[in-house]
Amino acid sequence: MSEKTEAQKRAQKLYMEKFIRLEIRTTPGRRDVIKAHADARGESVNGFINRAIDETMQRDGQETQPPVSLHMGVNPDAGGKLNQGV
């Protein structure tokens, strides 16, 4: 795989500045179970955790701001299909 160009590095840096990093503590065994669950559904662990948070907050009557899935180009109103032009 080739090294990233300076433009690619700048673009990635700008993209990553839109986010903050959260850490959770779990056992290695639980991490493996979470990863297997996400993999089985074609999701990253990060995507699965964010979806679980959104769904739980919606179930609890708390509006999410906006669902992370929208940032990822997925429209939950379209049954999880990718947005066109994102």
Foldseek 3Di string as FASTA:
>chain_A
DDDDDPVRVVVVVVVPVVDDDDDDDDDPVVVVVLCVVQVVVVHGSVLVVLVVVCVVCVVVVHQDDPRVLVVVQFDVVVVRDGHPPD
